[in-house]
Amino acid sequence: MRAEMREDVPQVTRAGVFFVIVAVFAFHALGFGLLGLVYALGSRTPLWLSAVIVGVGAAVIAAVFLRIGRTKIKQASLKPAKTIHSLQER
């Protein structure tokens, strides 16, 4: 089992690098999208007000996702119950 896990570590590490790269590009894409939204709203309202509106909207969305994530983390159990049970049987 240990040898098998050691073989998978480099592959998982390489995959993790790609996830980091994707996260960086997605973060920048989101920023440019929000900036575009600020300028779009700025054509009808003062630019400072459109920035405030977009910022508050993004903060509300982030708060909703934070609450959902915290709820799901609290529901998750990281205890390896099956492993503990099998070790207790020995």
N, C-alpha and C. Protein backbone atom coordinates (compact mmCIF):
# COMPACT_ATOMS: atom_id res chain seq x y z
N MET A 1 0.82 -1.19 0.00
CA MET A 1 0.00 0.00 0.00
C MET A 1 0.87 1.26 0.00
N ARG A 2 1.92 1.27 0.83
CA ARG A 2 2.80 2.43 0.89
C ARG A 2 3.52 2.66 -0.43
N ALA A 3 4.00 1.57 -1.05
CA ALA A 3 4.71 1.70 -2.32
C ALA A 3 3.78 2.25 -3.39
N GLU A 4 2.54 1.79 -3.38
CA GLU A 4 1.56 2.27 -4.36
C GLU A 4 1.28 3.76 -4.15
N MET A 5 1.20 4.17 -2.91
CA MET A 5 0.96 5.58 -2.62
C MET A 5 2.16 6.42 -3.04
N ARG A 6 3.38 5.90 -2.83
CA ARG A 6 4.57 6.65 -3.23
C ARG A 6 4.65 6.83 -4.73
N GLU A 7 4.16 5.86 -5.49
CA GLU A 7 4.16 5.97 -6.95
C GLU A 7 3.19 7.06 -7.41
N ASP A 8 2.11 7.25 -6.69
CA ASP A 8 1.09 8.22 -7.09
C ASP A 8 1.43 9.65 -6.69
N VAL A 9 2.32 9.85 -5.75
CA VAL A 9 2.62 11.19 -5.25
C VAL A 9 3.13 12.12 -6.35
N PRO A 10 4.11 11.72 -7.17
CA PRO A 10 4.56 12.65 -8.22
C PRO A 10 3.46 12.99 -9.23
N GLN A 11 2.63 12.03 -9.55
CA GLN A 11 1.55 12.29 -10.50
C GLN A 11 0.54 13.28 -9.90
N VAL A 12 0.22 13.12 -8.65
CA VAL A 12 -0.71 14.03 -7.98
C VAL A 12 -0.08 15.42 -7.85
N THR A 13 1.21 15.47 -7.60
CA THR A 13 1.91 16.76 -7.50
C THR A 13 1.86 17.50 -8.82
N ARG A 14 2.13 16.79 -9.93
CA ARG A 14 2.07 17.43 -11.24
C ARG A 14 0.66 17.92 -11.54
N ALA A 15 -0.35 17.13 -11.20
CA ALA A 15 -1.73 17.55 -11.41
C ALA A 15 -2.05 18.77 -10.56
N GLY A 16 -1.52 18.81 -9.34
CA GLY A 16 -1.74 19.95 -8.46
C GLY A 16 -1.18 21.24 -9.04
N VAL A 17 -0.04 21.14 -9.72
CA VAL A 17 0.55 22.33 -10.36
C VAL A 17 -0.41 22.88 -11.40
N PHE A 18 -1.02 22.01 -12.18
CA PHE A 18 -1.97 22.47 -13.19
C PHE A 18 -3.20 23.11 -12.54
N PHE A 19 -3.65 22.60 -11.41
CA PHE A 19 -4.77 23.21 -10.72
C PHE A 19 -4.42 24.61 -10.23
N VAL A 20 -3.19 24.79 -9.78
CA VAL A 20 -2.76 26.12 -9.34
C VAL A 20 -2.74 27.08 -10.53
N ILE A 21 -2.23 26.62 -11.66
CA ILE A 21 -2.20 27.47 -12.86
C ILE A 21 -3.61 27.85 -13.28
N VAL A 22 -4.50 26.88 -13.27
CA VAL A 22 -5.90 27.16 -13.61
C VAL A 22 -6.51 28.17 -12.65
N ALA A 23 -6.22 28.02 -11.37
CA ALA A 23 -6.77 28.95 -10.38
C ALA A 23 -6.28 30.37 -10.62
N VAL A 24 -5.00 30.52 -10.98
CA VAL A 24 -4.46 31.86 -11.24
C VAL A 24 -5.16 32.49 -12.44
N PHE A 25 -5.29 31.74 -13.53
CA PHE A 25 -5.95 32.28 -14.71
C PHE A 25 -7.43 32.55 -14.46
N ALA A 26 -8.10 31.68 -13.73
CA ALA A 26 -9.52 31.89 -13.43
C ALA A 26 -9.70 33.13 -12.55
N PHE A 27 -8.80 33.33 -11.61
CA PHE A 27 -8.86 34.51 -10.75
C PHE A 27 -8.73 35.79 -11.56
N HIS A 28 -7.79 35.79 -12.49
CA HIS A 28 -7.61 36.96 -13.35
C HIS A 28 -8.81 37.15 -14.28
N ALA A 29 -9.33 36.07 -14.81
CA ALA A 29 -10.51 36.18 -15.68
C ALA A 29 -11.70 36.76 -14.92
N LEU A 30 -11.87 36.33 -13.68
CA LEU A 30 -12.94 36.87 -12.85
C LEU A 30 -12.73 38.36 -12.61
N GLY A 31 -11.51 38.74 -12.32
CA GLY A 31 -11.21 40.15 -12.09
C GLY A 31 -11.51 41.01 -13.31
N PHE A 32 -11.10 40.54 -14.49
CA PHE A 32 -11.38 41.31 -15.71
C PHE A 32 -12.88 41.34 -16.02
N GLY A 33 -13.56 40.24 -15.72
CA GLY A 33 -15.02 40.22 -15.91
C GLY A 33 -15.71 41.23 -15.01
N LEU A 34 -15.28 41.28 -13.76
CA LEU A 34 -15.86 42.26 -12.84
C LEU A 34 -15.51 43.69 -13.24
N LEU A 35 -14.29 43.88 -13.74
CA LEU A 35 -13.90 45.20 -14.21
C LEU A 35 -14.77 45.63 -15.40
N GLY A 36 -15.03 44.69 -16.30
CA GLY A 36 -15.92 44.97 -17.43
C GLY A 36 -17.32 45.34 -16.95
N LEU A 37 -17.78 44.65 -15.92
CA LEU A 37 -19.10 44.96 -15.36
C LEU A 37 -19.11 46.36 -14.74
N VAL A 38 -18.02 46.74 -14.09
CA VAL A 38 -17.91 48.09 -13.52
C VAL A 38 -18.02 49.13 -14.64
N TYR A 39 -17.29 48.92 -15.73
CA TYR A 39 -17.34 49.88 -16.83
C TYR A 39 -18.70 49.89 -17.52
N ALA A 40 -19.34 48.73 -17.61
CA ALA A 40 -20.67 48.68 -18.22
C ALA A 40 -21.67 49.47 -17.38
N LEU A 41 -21.62 49.27 -16.06
CA LEU A 41 -22.50 50.04 -15.18
C LEU A 41 -22.10 51.52 -15.17
N GLY A 42 -20.81 51.78 -15.37
CA GLY A 42 -20.31 53.14 -15.35
C GLY A 42 -20.83 54.00 -16.50
N SER A 43 -21.36 53.35 -17.52
CA SER A 43 -21.94 54.12 -18.62
C SER A 43 -23.28 54.73 -18.22
N ARG A 44 -23.89 54.21 -17.16
CA ARG A 44 -25.19 54.72 -16.71
C ARG A 44 -25.13 55.40 -15.35
N THR A 45 -24.14 55.03 -14.55
CA THR A 45 -23.98 55.62 -13.22
C THR A 45 -22.56 56.14 -13.09
N PRO A 46 -22.28 56.94 -12.06
CA PRO A 46 -20.89 57.36 -11.86
C PRO A 46 -20.00 56.13 -11.65
N LEU A 47 -18.77 56.22 -12.14
CA LEU A 47 -17.86 55.07 -12.10
C LEU A 47 -17.62 54.59 -10.68
N TRP A 48 -17.50 55.51 -9.72
CA TRP A 48 -17.27 55.09 -8.34
C TRP A 48 -18.45 54.31 -7.80
N LEU A 49 -19.66 54.70 -8.19
CA LEU A 49 -20.86 54.00 -7.71
C LEU A 49 -20.96 52.61 -8.33
N SER A 50 -20.62 52.50 -9.60
CA SER A 50 -20.66 51.18 -10.22
C SER A 50 -19.63 50.25 -9.59
N ALA A 51 -18.46 50.78 -9.21
CA ALA A 51 -17.45 49.96 -8.53
C ALA A 51 -17.96 49.49 -7.17
N VAL A 52 -18.65 50.37 -6.46
CA VAL A 52 -19.21 49.99 -5.16
C VAL A 52 -20.28 48.91 -5.33
N ILE A 53 -21.14 49.09 -6.33
CA ILE A 53 -22.21 48.11 -6.57
C ILE A 53 -21.62 46.74 -6.89
N VAL A 54 -20.66 46.70 -7.79
CA VAL A 54 -20.03 45.43 -8.17
C VAL A 54 -19.29 44.83 -6.98
N GLY A 55 -18.59 45.65 -6.22
CA GLY A 55 -17.87 45.14 -5.05
C GLY A 55 -18.78 44.55 -3.99
N VAL A 56 -19.88 45.24 -3.72
CA VAL A 56 -20.84 44.72 -2.73
C VAL A 56 -21.49 43.44 -3.25
N GLY A 57 -21.82 43.42 -4.54
CA GLY A 57 -22.41 42.21 -5.11
C GLY A 57 -21.46 41.02 -5.02
N ALA A 58 -20.18 41.26 -5.33
CA ALA A 58 -19.18 40.18 -5.23
C ALA A 58 -19.02 39.73 -3.79
N ALA A 59 -19.05 40.66 -2.84
CA ALA A 59 -18.93 40.31 -1.43
C ALA A 59 -20.11 39.47 -0.95
N VAL A 60 -21.31 39.81 -1.42
CA VAL A 60 -22.50 39.03 -1.03
C VAL A 60 -22.40 37.61 -1.58
N ILE A 61 -21.99 37.49 -2.85
CA ILE A 61 -21.83 36.15 -3.44
C ILE A 61 -20.77 35.35 -2.69
N ALA A 62 -19.65 36.01 -2.35
CA ALA A 62 -18.60 35.33 -1.59
C ALA A 62 -19.10 34.87 -0.22
N ALA A 63 -19.90 35.69 0.43
CA ALA A 63 -20.45 35.33 1.75
C ALA A 63 -21.38 34.13 1.65
N VAL A 64 -22.17 34.08 0.59
CA VAL A 64 -23.07 32.93 0.40
C VAL A 64 -22.26 31.65 0.20
N PHE A 65 -21.22 31.71 -0.66
CA PHE A 65 -20.39 30.53 -0.88
C PHE A 65 -19.62 30.14 0.38
N LEU A 66 -19.20 31.12 1.17
CA LEU A 66 -18.52 30.82 2.43
C LEU A 66 -19.45 30.08 3.38
N ARG A 67 -20.67 30.54 3.48
CA ARG A 67 -21.63 29.89 4.38
C ARG A 67 -21.92 28.46 3.91
N ILE A 68 -22.09 28.26 2.61
CA ILE A 68 -22.33 26.92 2.08
C ILE A 68 -21.14 26.02 2.37
N GLY A 69 -19.92 26.53 2.12
CA GLY A 69 -18.72 25.74 2.36
C GLY A 69 -18.55 25.37 3.82
N ARG A 70 -18.80 26.31 4.71
CA ARG A 70 -18.68 26.02 6.14
C ARG A 70 -19.68 24.96 6.58
N THR A 71 -20.90 25.03 6.03
CA THR A 71 -21.91 24.04 6.37
C THR A 71 -21.49 22.65 5.90
N LYS A 72 -20.96 22.57 4.69
CA LYS A 72 -20.54 21.27 4.16
C LYS A 72 -19.33 20.72 4.90
N ILE A 73 -18.42 21.58 5.33
CA ILE A 73 -17.26 21.13 6.12
C ILE A 73 -17.72 20.56 7.45
N LYS A 74 -18.67 21.21 8.09
CA LYS A 74 -19.17 20.74 9.38
C LYS A 74 -19.86 19.39 9.24
N GLN A 75 -20.48 19.13 8.08
CA GLN A 75 -21.19 17.87 7.85
C GLN A 75 -20.22 16.74 7.53
N ALA A 76 -19.04 17.07 7.02
CA ALA A 76 -18.09 16.04 6.60
C ALA A 76 -17.41 15.42 7.81
N SER A 77 -17.12 14.14 7.69
CA SER A 77 -16.39 13.43 8.73
C SER A 77 -15.09 12.92 8.12
N LEU A 78 -13.97 13.38 8.64
CA LEU A 78 -12.67 12.96 8.12
C LEU A 78 -12.10 11.78 8.89
N LYS A 79 -12.84 11.30 9.87
CA LYS A 79 -12.38 10.15 10.64
C LYS A 79 -12.51 8.90 9.78
N PRO A 80 -11.43 8.13 9.63
CA PRO A 80 -11.50 6.90 8.84
C PRO A 80 -12.19 5.78 9.62
N ALA A 81 -13.50 5.84 9.67
CA ALA A 81 -14.28 4.93 10.52
C ALA A 81 -14.07 3.46 10.15
N LYS A 82 -14.02 3.15 8.86
CA LYS A 82 -13.86 1.76 8.44
C LYS A 82 -12.48 1.22 8.87
N THR A 83 -11.44 2.03 8.74
CA THR A 83 -10.11 1.62 9.14
C THR A 83 -10.03 1.41 10.65
N ILE A 84 -10.60 2.31 11.40
CA ILE A 84 -10.62 2.18 12.86
C ILE A 84 -11.35 0.92 13.28
N HIS A 85 -12.47 0.67 12.63
CA HIS A 85 -13.26 -0.52 12.95
C HIS A 85 -12.48 -1.79 12.63
N SER A 86 -11.81 -1.83 11.46
CA SER A 86 -11.07 -3.04 11.11
C SER A 86 -9.86 -3.25 12.02
N LEU A 87 -9.24 -2.16 12.49
CA LEU A 87 -8.12 -2.31 13.42
C LEU A 87 -8.59 -2.76 14.80
N GLN A 88 -9.77 -2.36 15.21
CA GLN A 88 -10.29 -2.75 16.50
C GLN A 88 -10.68 -4.22 16.51
N GLU A 89 -11.01 -4.77 15.34
CA GLU A 89 -11.38 -6.19 15.26
C GLU A 89 -10.19 -7.10 15.44
N ARG A 90 -8.98 -6.60 15.17
CA ARG A 90 -7.77 -7.44 15.28
C ARG A 90 -7.42 -7.67 16.66
